[in-house]
């Protein structure tokens, strides 16, 4: 398995060099990682202006050289380049420039901000948890309509945020129509869905999204699936992957996708 959502010290809220993280991932039995560092453009975001992509690509090339040199010893490991774009629909000019200049293998699209407020802090919830859930899915709809990305990250992230802050999650039934629209758009555009296991690390009983959304995605014809830990520390790598695998199989998926140069180059069997 390849962990498709990993942050290194090139993200301000993460720790560990690329080589250290790759070695830790390999020791856990993973066959590769995708370094999806934060690309954020809200001035209030910790990651605003932080990512130096020239330094990022220089370091990933050094780590690749290390593993290429050890491949003959049986230490082959895949390091893929990626980026997690925060609210890319609101910063199309910046996103277009980055994607045209740098050779990413995987681009993850995420909604992190709502109405100029960070979704992971209490002030956004002053309007009430149900209202924030609705606004989150409205923002997600706006993103999938226009943004350029390959897989949708943590579709119902708002559940993880409300759990983190209040130890409360809401049923997603009131938002089912919006979620369906998001899923149908992903499918029609040939884009994929991520199972993000970070919620398991935070105490939720299922990843984001969970079994219900994954079953619905499959019912609608969805096929492109990846699994990412959203690791910000080496010890987070691959966390909950066995659970994610079982949920994916139960939802009707038999394989996950591997991306290179923003194209699916391989299907990895889950069984």
Foldseek 3Di string as FASTA:
>chain_A
DEAEAAEDVLAVLFYDAPLRLQVLLVVVPHQEYEHAHEDDPQPPDPRHVRHDVVVVVVRLVVSQVVQVVCVVVVSHHDYFYEHEYELCLVVVVVVVVVLVPDQGFFYEYEHQDFPSHGLQDDVCCPVDLVVSQVRRLVSLLSCLVDPDGAEYELNRCSQLSCCLVPVDGDDCVVVVVSLLSSLLSCVVVVHYYEFEQCSVVVPDPATRVGLVSLLSSVVSPGAEYDYHHNDRYSVSGPPCVVVVLVSNVVSPYQWHFDTGSSDGDDTGGSD
